Structure formats: C-alpha cells, structure tokens
Amino acid sequence: MVTVRRSILSAFFSAALASTCLADAPTSSGTGFAVTPSGWLLTNAHVVQGCKQRHSSPAL
C-alpha cells in the first residue's frame, strides 16, 4: 500500500490566507497569514505590540 502525504510547505501555503491586523485605534496595520484551520495567525510582533484587542479581516 502506498501512502501519499502533502509536504509541510504545501499544507502551509494552501491554508495561508492574507489578512490585515488593526490596532485598538487604527494607528497601525500589517499583514499576516492564517496558518491553521482554527484561525491561528502568523504576523510580526510589531504589528500587535501594545494592542489590547486585535481585529483581522481577509484581504480581498
């Protein structure tokens, strides 16, 4: 029997969705990627540094 598995990179990039993150008062924004089906986002620390709340929305 042959088992076929997707590579880690293939799984990552097929699940990655661009998004935008805005700070509490929209003074900062940045990009990130959804890396899991449950909604974990990957972004740079400076994008969310000091935020009390975060909001993300898909880029269209």
Protein backbone atom coordinates (compact mmCIF):
# COMPACT_ATOMS: atom_id res chain seq x y z
CA MET A 1 0.00 0.00 0.00
CA VAL A 2 1.26 3.48 -0.88
CA THR A 3 0.55 6.41 1.43
CA VAL A 4 0.67 9.91 -0.04
CA ARG A 5 1.17 12.89 2.26
CA ARG A 6 1.29 16.56 1.45
CA SER A 7 4.54 18.31 2.27
CA ILE A 8 4.55 20.70 5.21
CA LEU A 9 5.10 23.65 2.85
CA SER A 10 2.24 22.57 0.62
CA ALA A 11 -0.10 22.32 3.61
CA PHE A 12 1.09 25.70 4.93
CA PHE A 13 0.67 27.62 1.70
CA SER A 14 -2.65 26.05 0.81
CA ALA A 15 -4.03 27.16 4.20
CA ALA A 16 -2.41 30.61 4.25
CA LEU A 17 -4.83 33.47 3.79
CA ALA A 18 -3.67 37.07 3.78
CA SER A 19 -5.23 39.23 6.46
CA THR A 20 -4.91 42.70 7.93
CA CYS A 21 -4.50 43.46 11.64
CA LEU A 22 -5.51 46.84 13.06
CA ALA A 23 -4.57 48.19 16.50
CA ASP A 24 -7.18 49.47 19.01
CA ALA A 25 -7.26 52.91 17.43
CA PRO A 26 -6.44 52.28 13.79
CA THR A 27 -2.94 53.72 14.02
CA SER A 28 -1.16 50.55 12.99
CA SER A 29 -1.74 47.84 10.47
CA GLY A 30 0.15 44.95 8.99
CA THR A 31 -0.19 41.69 7.21
CA GLY A 32 -0.35 38.14 8.45
CA PHE A 33 -1.31 34.68 7.34
CA ALA A 34 -3.82 32.17 8.68
CA VAL A 35 -1.72 29.10 9.40
CA THR A 36 -4.32 26.73 10.88
CA PRO A 37 -7.94 25.98 10.05
CA SER A 38 -8.88 27.09 13.59
CA GLY A 39 -7.66 30.63 12.86
CA TRP A 40 -4.14 30.99 14.27
CA LEU A 41 -2.44 33.94 12.56
CA LEU A 42 1.25 34.47 11.85
CA THR A 43 2.47 38.08 11.78
CA ASN A 44 5.32 40.28 13.01
CA ALA A 45 5.44 41.23 16.69
CA HIS A 46 5.46 44.99 15.98
CA VAL A 47 2.05 44.68 14.30
CA VAL A 48 0.33 43.67 17.56
CA GLN A 49 2.77 45.05 20.14
CA GLY A 50 0.90 47.02 22.80
CA CYS A 51 -2.56 46.08 21.50
CA LYS A 52 -5.29 45.25 23.98
CA GLN A 53 -7.57 43.97 21.22
CA ARG A 54 -6.86 42.73 17.73
CA HIS A 55 -9.09 42.50 14.69
CA SER A 56 -8.30 40.71 11.48
CA SER A 57 -10.13 40.57 8.19
CA PRO A 58 -9.39 38.73 4.96
CA ALA A 59 -7.75 40.67 2.17
CA LEU A 60 -9.89 40.70 -0.94
